Amino acid sequence: MTLDDVRAAIDRIDDQIVALLAQRQQQVHAAARFKQDDAAVEAPARRRALMARLNDRAVEEGVDLEVVTATWTAMVDAFIALERRDVHARQQPE
């Protein structure tokens, strides 16, 4: 196996991750329809539960916890911003 082989494998994994992010985004848009304000979007208890569950999964899968925490923190922050935009857009008069 060469470095190019490893990079090609990483690229294939990245493509799968992007496809999964698209699916997650669809669900975030769906969830936004149930929420009325920023507090509901931020949902700190849900975030804590999500991070705890993902930390458990990381341990099961042997993934570095710092990688999981940093990755999901950035991802959740980005999706919260997207969901907040959905909620605010829905509240604007047409």
PDB file of N, CA and C in Angstrom:
ATOM      1  N   MET A   1       0.852  -1.178   0.000  1.00  0.00           N
ATOM      2  CA  MET A   1       0.000   0.000   0.000  1.00  0.00           C
ATOM      3  C   MET A   1       0.895   1.237   0.000  1.00  0.00           C
ATOM      4  N   THR A   2       0.517   2.206  -0.808  1.00  0.00           N
ATOM      5  CA  THR A   2       1.288   3.437  -0.918  1.00  0.00           C
ATOM      6  C   THR A   2       0.525   4.586  -0.269  1.00  0.00           C
ATOM      7  N   LEU A   3       1.188   5.718  -0.135  1.00  0.00           N
ATOM      8  CA  LEU A   3       0.526   6.912   0.380  1.00  0.00           C
ATOM      9  C   LEU A   3      -0.638   7.311  -0.527  1.00  0.00           C
ATOM     10  N   ASP A   4      -0.446   7.182  -1.829  1.00  0.00           N
ATOM     11  CA  ASP A   4      -1.541   7.487  -2.759  1.00  0.00           C
ATOM     12  C   ASP A   4      -2.744   6.575  -2.533  1.00  0.00           C
ATOM     13  N   ASP A   5      -2.495   5.306  -2.228  1.00  0.00           N
ATOM     14  CA  ASP A   5      -3.583   4.374  -1.922  1.00  0.00           C
ATOM     15  C   ASP A   5      -4.331   4.810  -0.662  1.00  0.00           C
ATOM     16  N   VAL A   6      -3.579   5.192   0.349  1.00  0.00           N
ATOM     17  CA  VAL A   6      -4.194   5.647   1.606  1.00  0.00           C
ATOM     18  C   VAL A   6      -5.018   6.901   1.357  1.00  0.00           C
ATOM     19  N   ARG A   7      -4.457   7.833   0.598  1.00  0.00           N
ATOM     20  CA  ARG A   7      -5.187   9.068   0.309  1.00  0.00           C
ATOM     21  C   ARG A   7      -6.453   8.792  -0.495  1.00  0.00           C
ATOM     22  N   ALA A   8      -6.389   7.862  -1.417  1.00  0.00           N
ATOM     23  CA  ALA A   8      -7.575   7.495  -2.198  1.00  0.00           C
ATOM     24  C   ALA A   8      -8.648   6.886  -1.285  1.00  0.00           C
ATOM     25  N   ALA A   9      -8.221   6.080  -0.344  1.00  0.00           N
ATOM     26  CA  ALA A   9      -9.176   5.492   0.612  1.00  0.00           C
ATOM     27  C   ALA A   9      -9.803   6.585   1.473  1.00  0.00           C
ATOM     28  N   ILE A  10      -8.998   7.539   1.911  1.00  0.00           N
ATOM     29  CA  ILE A  10      -9.523   8.663   2.696  1.00  0.00           C
ATOM     30  C   ILE A  10     -10.512   9.467   1.868  1.00  0.00           C
ATOM     31  N   ASP A  11     -10.203   9.697   0.603  1.00  0.00           N
ATOM     32  CA  ASP A  11     -11.123  10.430  -0.276  1.00  0.00           C
ATOM     33  C   ASP A  11     -12.463   9.705  -0.409  1.00  0.00           C
ATOM     34  N   ARG A  12     -12.427   8.393  -0.525  1.00  0.00           N
ATOM     35  CA  ARG A  12     -13.679   7.623  -0.616  1.00  0.00           C
ATOM     36  C   ARG A  12     -14.485   7.760   0.678  1.00  0.00           C
ATOM     37  N   ILE A  13     -13.801   7.703   1.802  1.00  0.00           N
ATOM     38  CA  ILE A  13     -14.482   7.869   3.093  1.00  0.00           C
ATOM     39  C   ILE A  13     -15.072   9.271   3.190  1.00  0.00           C
ATOM     40  N   ASP A  14     -14.308  10.287   2.780  1.00  0.00           N
ATOM     41  CA  ASP A  14     -14.809  11.663   2.812  1.00  0.00           C
ATOM     42  C   ASP A  14     -16.062  11.815   1.959  1.00  0.00           C
ATOM     43  N   ASP A  15     -16.093  11.166   0.805  1.00  0.00           N
ATOM     44  CA  ASP A  15     -17.286  11.215  -0.040  1.00  0.00           C
ATOM     45  C   ASP A  15     -18.490  10.628   0.687  1.00  0.00           C
ATOM     46  N   GLN A  16     -18.285   9.534   1.414  1.00  0.00           N
ATOM     47  CA  GLN A  16     -19.370   8.921   2.187  1.00  0.00           C
ATOM     48  C   GLN A  16     -19.824   9.859   3.308  1.00  0.00           C
ATOM     49  N   ILE A  17     -18.878  10.519   3.944  1.00  0.00           N
ATOM     50  CA  ILE A  17     -19.218  11.445   5.026  1.00  0.00           C
ATOM     51  C   ILE A  17     -20.058  12.598   4.493  1.00  0.00           C
ATOM     52  N   VAL A  18     -19.696  13.145   3.330  1.00  0.00           N
ATOM     53  CA  VAL A  18     -20.477  14.234   2.741  1.00  0.00           C
ATOM     54  C   VAL A  18     -21.900  13.769   2.436  1.00  0.00           C
ATOM     55  N   ALA A  19     -22.041  12.574   1.919  1.00  0.00           N
ATOM     56  CA  ALA A  19     -23.383  12.036   1.648  1.00  0.00           C
ATOM     57  C   ALA A  19     -24.182  11.902   2.943  1.00  0.00           C
ATOM     58  N   LEU A  20     -23.535  11.465   3.999  1.00  0.00           N
ATOM     59  CA  LEU A  20     -24.214  11.354   5.297  1.00  0.00           C
ATOM     60  C   LEU A  20     -24.564  12.727   5.858  1.00  0.00           C
ATOM     61  N   LEU A  21     -23.697  13.709   5.645  1.00  0.00           N
ATOM     62  CA  LEU A  21     -24.005  15.071   6.086  1.00  0.00           C
ATOM     63  C   LEU A  21     -25.234  15.608   5.352  1.00  0.00           C
ATOM     64  N   ALA A  22     -25.375  15.266   4.092  1.00  0.00           N
ATOM     65  CA  ALA A  22     -26.562  15.683   3.347  1.00  0.00           C
ATOM     66  C   ALA A  22     -27.823  15.083   3.965  1.00  0.00           C
ATOM     67  N   GLN A  23     -27.754  13.818   4.361  1.00  0.00           N
ATOM     68  CA  GLN A  23     -28.896  13.176   5.023  1.00  0.00           C
ATOM     69  C   GLN A  23     -29.177  13.839   6.368  1.00  0.00           C
ATOM     70  N   ARG A  24     -28.117  14.141   7.108  1.00  0.00           N
ATOM     71  CA  ARG A  24     -28.295  14.788   8.410  1.00  0.00           C
ATOM     72  C   ARG A  24     -28.919  16.170   8.224  1.00  0.00           C
ATOM     73  N   GLN A  25     -28.471  16.894   7.201  1.00  0.00           N
ATOM     74  CA  GLN A  25     -29.016  18.220   6.939  1.00  0.00           C
ATOM     75  C   GLN A  25     -30.518  18.147   6.664  1.00  0.00           C
ATOM     76  N   GLN A  26     -30.959  17.148   5.908  1.00  0.00           N
ATOM     77  CA  GLN A  26     -32.393  16.985   5.646  1.00  0.00           C
ATOM     78  C   GLN A  26     -33.162  16.838   6.967  1.00  0.00           C
ATOM     79  N   GLN A  27     -32.605  16.083   7.895  1.00  0.00           N
ATOM     80  CA  GLN A  27     -33.267  15.879   9.176  1.00  0.00           C
ATOM     81  C   GLN A  27     -33.258  17.152  10.018  1.00  0.00           C
ATOM     82  N   VAL A  28     -32.190  17.921   9.924  1.00  0.00           N
ATOM     83  CA  VAL A  28     -32.118  19.203  10.642  1.00  0.00           C
ATOM     84  C   VAL A  28     -33.204  20.146  10.120  1.00  0.00           C
ATOM     85  N   HIS A  29     -33.358  20.207   8.802  1.00  0.00           N
ATOM     86  CA  HIS A  29     -34.429  21.039   8.235  1.00  0.00           C
ATOM     87  C   HIS A  29     -35.793  20.557   8.736  1.00  0.00           C
ATOM     88  N   ALA A  30     -35.991  19.251   8.802  1.00  0.00           N
ATOM     89  CA  ALA A  30     -37.255  18.698   9.297  1.00  0.00           C
ATOM     90  C   ALA A  30     -37.468  19.062  10.758  1.00  0.00           C
ATOM     91  N   ALA A  31     -36.427  18.963  11.571  1.00  0.00           N
ATOM     92  CA  ALA A  31     -36.538  19.295  12.995  1.00  0.00           C
ATOM     93  C   ALA A  31     -36.866  20.766  13.190  1.00  0.00           C
ATOM     94  N   ALA A  32     -36.326  21.619  12.346  1.00  0.00           N
ATOM     95  CA  ALA A  32     -36.559  23.061  12.479  1.00  0.00           C
ATOM     96  C   ALA A  32     -38.037  23.406  12.390  1.00  0.00           C
ATOM     97  N   ARG A  33     -38.782  22.613  11.647  1.00  0.00           N
ATOM     98  CA  ARG A  33     -40.222  22.882  11.504  1.00  0.00           C
ATOM     99  C   ARG A  33     -40.978  22.731  12.823  1.00  0.00           C
ATOM    100  N   PHE A  34     -40.384  22.014  13.787  1.00  0.00           N
ATOM    101  CA  PHE A  34     -41.033  21.802  15.078  1.00  0.00           C
ATOM    102  C   PHE A  34     -40.627  22.845  16.117  1.00  0.00           C
ATOM    103  N   LYS A  35     -39.703  23.727  15.769  1.00  0.00           N
ATOM    104  CA  LYS A  35     -39.122  24.635  16.753  1.00  0.00           C
ATOM    105  C   LYS A  35     -39.547  26.070  16.487  1.00  0.00           C
ATOM    106  N   GLN A  36     -39.746  26.804  17.588  1.00  0.00           N
ATOM    107  CA  GLN A  36     -40.274  28.158  17.477  1.00  0.00           C
ATOM    108  C   GLN A  36     -39.261  29.250  17.803  1.00  0.00           C
ATOM    109  N   ASP A  37     -38.152  28.889  18.468  1.00  0.00           N
ATOM    110  CA  ASP A  37     -37.216  29.937  18.886  1.00  0.00           C
ATOM    111  C   ASP A  37     -35.800  29.372  19.029  1.00  0.00           C
ATOM    112  N   ASP A  38     -34.854  30.284  19.301  1.00  0.00           N
ATOM    113  CA  ASP A  38     -33.453  29.897  19.411  1.00  0.00           C
ATOM    114  C   ASP A  38     -33.207  28.905  20.550  1.00  0.00           C
ATOM    115  N   ALA A  39     -33.928  29.048  21.643  1.00  0.00           N
ATOM    116  CA  ALA A  39     -33.731  28.130  22.773  1.00  0.00           C
ATOM    117  C   ALA A  39     -34.069  26.696  22.363  1.00  0.00           C
ATOM    118  N   ALA A  40     -35.133  26.548  21.607  1.00  0.00           N
ATOM    119  CA  ALA A  40     -35.509  25.207  21.140  1.00  0.00           C
ATOM    120  C   ALA A  40     -34.483  24.672  20.150  1.00  0.00           C
ATOM    121  N   VAL A  41     -33.930  25.551  19.340  1.00  0.00           N
ATOM    122  CA  VAL A  41     -32.917  25.133  18.373  1.00  0.00           C
ATOM    123  C   VAL A  41     -31.652  24.689  19.101  1.00  0.00           C
ATOM    124  N   GLU A  42     -31.214  25.457  20.071  1.00  0.00           N
ATOM    125  CA  GLU A  42     -29.953  25.149  20.761  1.00  0.00           C
ATOM    126  C   GLU A  42     -30.051  23.879  21.601  1.00  0.00           C
ATOM    127  N   ALA A  43     -31.171  23.637  22.226  1.00  0.00           N
ATOM    128  CA  ALA A  43     -31.458  22.400  22.958  1.00  0.00           C
ATOM    129  C   ALA A  43     -30.237  21.845  23.701  1.00  0.00           C
ATOM    130  N   PRO A  44     -29.760  22.546  24.727  1.00  0.00           N
ATOM    131  CA  PRO A  44     -28.532  22.116  25.410  1.00  0.00           C
ATOM    132  C   PRO A  44     -28.606  20.716  26.021  1.00  0.00           C
ATOM    133  N   ALA A  45     -29.759  20.318  26.510  1.00  0.00           N
ATOM    134  CA  ALA A  45     -29.873  18.967  27.083  1.00  0.00           C
ATOM    135  C   ALA A  45     -29.704  17.914  25.982  1.00  0.00           C
ATOM    136  N   ARG A  46     -30.293  18.155  24.830  1.00  0.00           N
ATOM    137  CA  ARG A  46     -30.137  17.239  23.688  1.00  0.00           C
ATOM    138  C   ARG A  46     -28.674  17.165  23.266  1.00  0.00           C
ATOM    139  N   ARG A  47     -28.016  18.320  23.250  1.00  0.00           N
ATOM    140  CA  ARG A  47     -26.603  18.346  22.850  1.00  0.00           C
ATOM    141  C   ARG A  47     -25.749  17.542  23.831  1.00  0.00           C
ATOM    142  N   ARG A  48     -25.983  17.717  25.123  1.00  0.00           N
ATOM    143  CA  ARG A  48     -25.223  16.959  26.120  1.00  0.00           C
ATOM    144  C   ARG A  48     -25.441  15.462  25.953  1.00  0.00           C
ATOM    145  N   ALA A  49     -26.697  15.063  25.737  1.00  0.00           N
ATOM    146  CA  ALA A  49     -27.008  13.642  25.550  1.00  0.00           C
ATOM    147  C   ALA A  49     -26.349  13.105  24.278  1.00  0.00           C
ATOM    148  N   LEU A  50     -26.386  13.885  23.216  1.00  0.00           N
ATOM    149  CA  LEU A  50     -25.750  13.487  21.961  1.00  0.00           C
ATOM    150  C   LEU A  50     -24.252  13.269  22.160  1.00  0.00           C
ATOM    151  N   MET A  51     -23.599  14.228  22.798  1.00  0.00           N
ATOM    152  CA  MET A  51     -22.156  14.124  22.988  1.00  0.00           C
ATOM    153  C   MET A  51     -21.801  12.940  23.889  1.00  0.00           C
ATOM    154  N   ALA A  52     -22.590  12.689  24.908  1.00  0.00           N
ATOM    155  CA  ALA A  52     -22.334  11.540  25.783  1.00  0.00           C
ATOM    156  C   ALA A  52     -22.481  10.236  24.997  1.00  0.00           C
ATOM    157  N   ARG A  53     -23.538  10.147  24.192  1.00  0.00           N
ATOM    158  CA  ARG A  53     -23.753   8.945  23.381  1.00  0.00           C
ATOM    159  C   ARG A  53     -22.614   8.746  22.385  1.00  0.00           C
ATOM    160  N   LEU A  54     -22.191   9.827  21.752  1.00  0.00           N
ATOM    161  CA  LEU A  54     -21.113   9.728  20.774  1.00  0.00           C
ATOM    162  C   LEU A  54     -19.774   9.393  21.428  1.00  0.00           C
ATOM    163  N   ASN A  55     -19.553   9.894  22.622  1.00  0.00           N
ATOM    164  CA  ASN A  55     -18.328   9.518  23.336  1.00  0.00           C
ATOM    165  C   ASN A  55     -18.321   8.019  23.623  1.00  0.00           C
ATOM    166  N   ASP A  56     -19.470   7.494  24.022  1.00  0.00           N
ATOM    167  CA  ASP A  56     -19.562   6.042  24.241  1.00  0.00           C
ATOM    168  C   ASP A  56     -19.277   5.284  22.949  1.00  0.00           C
ATOM    169  N   ARG A  57     -19.853   5.750  21.840  1.00  0.00           N
ATOM    170  CA  ARG A  57     -19.619   5.095  20.540  1.00  0.00           C
ATOM    171  C   ARG A  57     -18.149   5.188  20.146  1.00  0.00           C
ATOM    172  N   ALA A  58     -17.535   6.337  20.416  1.00  0.00           N
ATOM    173  CA  ALA A  58     -16.120   6.509  20.081  1.00  0.00           C
ATOM    174  C   ALA A  58     -15.270   5.487  20.823  1.00  0.00           C
ATOM    175  N   VAL A  59     -15.571   5.287  22.100  1.00  0.00           N
ATOM    176  CA  VAL A  59     -14.833   4.297  22.886  1.00  0.00           C
ATOM    177  C   VAL A  59     -15.037   2.906  22.289  1.00  0.00           C
ATOM    178  N   GLU A  60     -16.291   2.576  21.944  1.00  0.00           N
ATOM    179  CA  GLU A  60     -16.587   1.267  21.344  1.00  0.00           C
ATOM    180  C   GLU A  60     -15.833   1.059  20.029  1.00  0.00           C
ATOM    181  N   GLU A  61     -15.720   2.124  19.241  1.00  0.00           N
ATOM    182  CA  GLU A  61     -15.094   2.025  17.917  1.00  0.00           C
ATOM    183  C   GLU A  61     -13.585   2.277  17.942  1.00  0.00           C
ATOM    184  N   GLY A  62     -13.063   2.704  19.095  1.00  0.00           N
ATOM    185  CA  GLY A  62     -11.635   2.987  19.189  1.00  0.00           C
ATOM    186  C   GLY A  62     -11.225   4.294  18.535  1.00  0.00           C
ATOM    187  N   VAL A  63     -12.141   5.250  18.497  1.00  0.00           N
ATOM    188  CA  VAL A  63     -11.854   6.559  17.909  1.00  0.00           C
ATOM    189  C   VAL A  63     -11.415   7.501  19.022  1.00  0.00           C
ATOM    190  N   ASP A  64     -10.403   8.287  18.735  1.00  0.00           N
ATOM    191  CA  ASP A  64      -9.893   9.257  19.693  1.00  0.00           C
ATOM    192  C   ASP A  64     -11.014  10.206  20.128  1.00  0.00           C
ATOM    193  N   LEU A  65     -11.217  10.346  21.436  1.00  0.00           N
ATOM    194  CA  LEU A  65     -12.305  11.184  21.958  1.00  0.00           C
ATOM    195  C   LEU A  65     -12.150  12.648  21.573  1.00  0.00           C
ATOM    196  N   GLU A  66     -10.924  13.143  21.510  1.00  0.00           N
ATOM    197  CA  GLU A  66     -10.724  14.539  21.111  1.00  0.00           C
ATOM    198  C   GLU A  66     -11.168  14.770  19.674  1.00  0.00           C
ATOM    199  N   VAL A  67     -10.946  13.785  18.812  1.00  0.00           N
ATOM    200  CA  VAL A  67     -11.384  13.906  17.421  1.00  0.00           C
ATOM    201  C   VAL A  67     -12.909  13.940  17.366  1.00  0.00           C
ATOM    202  N   VAL A  68     -13.551  13.040  18.084  1.00  0.00           N
ATOM    203  CA  VAL A  68     -15.015  13.006  18.090  1.00  0.00           C
ATOM    204  C   VAL A  68     -15.576  14.302  18.660  1.00  0.00           C
ATOM    205  N   THR A  69     -15.042  14.749  19.776  1.00  0.00           N
ATOM    206  CA  THR A  69     -15.541  15.976  20.403  1.00  0.00           C
ATOM    207  C   THR A  69     -15.359  17.171  19.481  1.00  0.00           C
ATOM    208  N   ALA A  70     -14.173  17.334  18.913  1.00  0.00           N
ATOM    209  CA  ALA A  70     -13.923  18.477  18.031  1.00  0.00           C
ATOM    210  C   ALA A  70     -14.783  18.417  16.775  1.00  0.00           C
ATOM    211  N   THR A  71     -14.912  17.228  16.198  1.00  0.00           N
ATOM    212  CA  THR A  71     -15.679  17.073  14.965  1.00  0.00           C
ATOM    213  C   THR A  71     -17.149  17.371  15.202  1.00  0.00           C
ATOM    214  N   TRP A  72     -17.720  16.747  16.225  1.00  0.00           N
ATOM    215  CA  TRP A  72     -19.155  16.945  16.461  1.00  0.00           C
ATOM    216  C   TRP A  72     -19.458  18.324  17.013  1.00  0.00           C
ATOM    217  N   THR A  73     -18.572  18.908  17.764  1.00  0.00           N
ATOM    218  CA  THR A  73     -18.799  20.277  18.232  1.00  0.00           C
ATOM    219  C   THR A  73     -18.910  21.211  17.037  1.00  0.00           C
ATOM    220  N   ALA A  74     -17.975  21.108  16.105  1.00  0.00           N
ATOM    221  CA  ALA A  74     -18.024  21.954  14.909  1.00  0.00           C
ATOM    222  C   ALA A  74     -19.260  21.658  14.075  1.00  0.00           C
ATOM    223  N   MET A  75     -19.572  20.375  13.897  1.00  0.00           N
ATOM    224  CA  MET A  75     -20.713  19.999  13.076  1.00  0.00           C
ATOM    225  C   MET A  75     -22.026  20.457  13.709  1.00  0.00           C
ATOM    226  N   VAL A  76     -22.190  20.217  14.991  1.00  0.00           N
ATOM    227  CA  VAL A  76     -23.425  20.607  15.664  1.00  0.00           C
ATOM    228  C   VAL A  76     -23.573  22.127  15.647  1.00  0.00           C
ATOM    229  N   ASP A  77     -22.491  22.844  15.889  1.00  0.00           N
ATOM    230  CA  ASP A  77     -22.560  24.312  15.826  1.00  0.00           C
ATOM    231  C   ASP A  77     -23.020  24.774  14.448  1.00  0.00           C
ATOM    232  N   ALA A  78     -22.485  24.179  13.396  1.00  0.00           N
ATOM    233  CA  ALA A  78     -22.866  24.558  12.031  1.00  0.00           C
ATOM    234  C   ALA A  78     -24.327  24.216  11.750  1.00  0.00           C
ATOM    235  N   PHE A  79     -24.774  23.058  12.193  1.00  0.00           N
ATOM    236  CA  PHE A  79     -26.166  22.677  11.956  1.00  0.00           C
ATOM    237  C   PHE A  79     -27.127  23.497  12.814  1.00  0.00           C
ATOM    238  N   ILE A  80     -26.712  23.897  14.007  1.00  0.00           N
ATOM    239  CA  ILE A  80     -27.552  24.788  14.820  1.00  0.00           C
ATOM    240  C   ILE A  80     -27.725  26.123  14.098  1.00  0.00           C
ATOM    241  N   ALA A  81     -26.649  26.640  13.528  1.00  0.00           N
ATOM    242  CA  ALA A  81     -26.745  27.894  12.776  1.00  0.00           C
ATOM    243  C   ALA A  81     -27.701  27.741  11.591  1.00  0.00           C
ATOM    244  N   LEU A  82     -27.628  26.630  10.890  1.00  0.00           N
ATOM    245  CA  LEU A  82     -28.525  26.362   9.767  1.00  0.00           C
ATOM    246  C   LEU A  82     -29.978  26.266  10.241  1.00  0.00           C
ATOM    247  N   GLU A  83     -30.173  25.538  11.317  1.00  0.00           N
ATOM    248  CA  GLU A  83     -31.528  25.367  11.850  1.00  0.00           C
ATOM    249  C   GLU A  83     -32.085  26.698  12.338  1.00  0.00           C
ATOM    250  N   ARG A  84     -31.248  27.505  12.967  1.00  0.00           N
ATOM    251  CA  ARG A  84     -31.670  28.825  13.432  1.00  0.00           C
ATOM    252  C   ARG A  84     -32.122  29.675  12.237  1.00  0.00           C
ATOM    253  N   ARG A  85     -31.382  29.599  11.128  1.00  0.00           N
ATOM    254  CA  ARG A  85     -31.781  30.356   9.932  1.00  0.00           C
ATOM    255  C   ARG A  85     -33.145  29.879   9.431  1.00  0.00           C
ATOM    256  N   ASP A  86     -33.377  28.569   9.455  1.00  0.00           N
ATOM    257  CA  ASP A  86     -34.680  28.037   9.044  1.00  0.00           C
ATOM    258  C   ASP A  86     -35.800  28.599   9.920  1.00  0.00           C
ATOM    259  N   VAL A  87     -35.598  28.556  11.226  1.00  0.00           N
ATOM    260  CA  VAL A  87     -36.618  29.019  12.166  1.00  0.00           C
ATOM    261  C   VAL A  87     -36.877  30.512  11.951  1.00  0.00           C
ATOM    262  N   HIS A  88     -35.815  31.296  11.840  1.00  0.00           N
ATOM    263  CA  HIS A  88     -35.985  32.746  11.650  1.00  0.00           C
ATOM    264  C   HIS A  88     -36.659  33.053  10.325  1.00  0.00           C
ATOM    265  N   ALA A  89     -36.308  32.330   9.277  1.00  0.00           N
ATOM    266  CA  ALA A  89     -36.913  32.554   7.961  1.00  0.00           C
ATOM    267  C   ALA A  89     -38.407  32.254   8.009  1.00  0.00           C
ATOM    268  N   ARG A  90     -38.778  31.226   8.734  1.00  0.00           N
ATOM    269  CA  ARG A  90     -40.188  30.855   8.841  1.00  0.00           C
ATOM    270  C   ARG A  90     -40.970  31.915   9.596  1.00  0.00           C
ATOM    271  N   GLN A  91     -40.314  32.630  10.490  1.00  0.00           N
ATOM    272  CA  GLN A  91     -40.985  33.633  11.310  1.00  0.00           C
ATOM    273  C   GLN A  91     -41.129  34.985  10.598  1.00  0.00           C
ATOM    274  N   GLN A  92     -40.415  35.153   9.490  1.00  0.00           N
ATOM    275  CA  GLN A  92     -40.494  36.414   8.753  1.00  0.00           C
ATOM    276  C   GLN A  92     -41.798  36.491   7.962  1.00  0.00           C
ATOM    277  N   PRO A  93     -42.435  37.666   8.002  1.00  0.00           N
ATOM    278  CA  PRO A  93     -43.657  37.807   7.189  1.00  0.00           C
ATOM    279  C   PRO A  93     -43.299  37.754   5.701  1.00  0.00           C
ATOM    280  N   GLU A  94     -44.204  37.170   4.954  1.00  0.00           N
ATOM    281  CA  GLU A  94     -43.952  37.029   3.501  1.00  0.00           C
ATOM    282  C   GLU A  94     -44.372  38.230   2.732  1.00  0.00           C
TER     283      GLU A  94
END
